[in-house]
Protein backbone atom coordinates (compact mmCIF):
# COMPACT_ATOMS: atom_id res chain seq x y z
CA UNK A 1 64.75 -42.45 47.15
CA UNK A 2 64.21 -41.83 50.85
CA UNK A 3 61.48 -39.46 51.95
CA UNK A 4 62.02 -36.40 54.14
CA UNK A 5 60.10 -38.24 56.87
CA UNK A 6 62.56 -41.17 56.77
CA UNK A 7 65.56 -38.84 56.91
CA UNK A 8 64.10 -36.82 59.79
CA UNK A 9 63.31 -39.99 61.73
CA UNK A 10 66.89 -41.22 61.27
CA UNK A 11 68.21 -37.84 62.43
CA UNK A 12 66.01 -37.93 65.53
CA UNK A 13 67.23 -41.44 66.36
CA UNK A 14 70.88 -40.39 66.09
CA UNK A 15 70.56 -37.02 67.85
CA UNK A 16 68.67 -37.28 71.13
CA UNK A 17 67.85 -33.56 71.51
CA UNK A 18 64.40 -32.34 70.42
CA UNK A 19 64.27 -30.65 67.01
CA UNK A 20 62.36 -27.74 65.49
CA UNK A 21 60.67 -27.56 62.10
CA UNK A 22 63.07 -24.82 61.05
CA UNK A 23 66.17 -26.83 62.01
CA UNK A 24 65.01 -29.87 60.05
CA UNK A 25 64.11 -27.76 57.02
CA UNK A 26 67.57 -26.15 56.97
CA UNK A 27 69.44 -29.38 57.74
CA UNK A 28 67.78 -31.38 54.94
CA UNK A 29 67.34 -28.44 52.56
CA UNK A 30 63.57 -28.85 52.28
CA UNK A 31 60.76 -26.35 52.74
CA UNK A 32 59.42 -25.71 56.22
CA UNK A 33 56.05 -27.04 55.07
CA UNK A 34 57.70 -30.35 54.08
CA UNK A 35 59.49 -30.60 57.44
CA UNK A 36 56.29 -29.67 59.29
CA UNK A 37 54.29 -32.31 57.41
CA UNK A 38 56.92 -34.98 58.06
CA UNK A 39 57.06 -34.22 61.78
CA UNK A 40 53.26 -34.08 61.99
CA UNK A 41 53.09 -37.49 60.31
CA UNK A 42 55.56 -38.95 62.82
CA UNK A 43 53.41 -37.56 65.66
CA UNK A 44 50.24 -38.98 64.08
CA UNK A 45 51.88 -42.41 63.75
CA UNK A 46 52.82 -42.31 67.44
CA UNK A 47 56.56 -42.30 66.80
CA UNK A 48 57.26 -38.72 67.88
CA UNK A 49 55.67 -36.22 70.22
CA UNK A 50 55.59 -32.47 70.71
CA UNK A 51 57.43 -31.26 73.80
CA UNK A 52 54.79 -29.66 76.06
CA UNK A 53 54.85 -25.87 76.44
CA UNK A 54 57.62 -25.31 73.91
CA UNK A 55 57.71 -22.35 71.54
CA UNK A 56 58.80 -22.81 68.84
CA UNK A 57 57.43 -26.33 68.95
CA UNK A 58 60.02 -28.99 69.69
CA UNK A 59 59.62 -32.56 68.51
CA UNK A 60 61.24 -35.66 70.04
CA UNK A 61 60.93 -39.40 69.72
CA UNK A 62 58.56 -41.04 72.17
CA UNK A 63 60.29 -43.00 74.91
CA UNK A 64 61.02 -46.56 73.87
CA UNK A 65 61.12 -45.77 70.14
CA UNK A 66 64.87 -45.28 69.88
CA UNK A 67 65.57 -48.14 67.52
């Protein structure tokens, strides 16, 4: 079974716009804490980044990590 992190990463690869925790939680029908943890893990691994000065926080893939 695929993790929420895997599904969110696939979504971010397919959809180029930055995402919010709330949008990912609703889209994948998971809790906001699960979506937040998954996005935080992707940031920690260097795959994603937080868009500077965004409220609510927006997450996007780092440049060059599209595949």
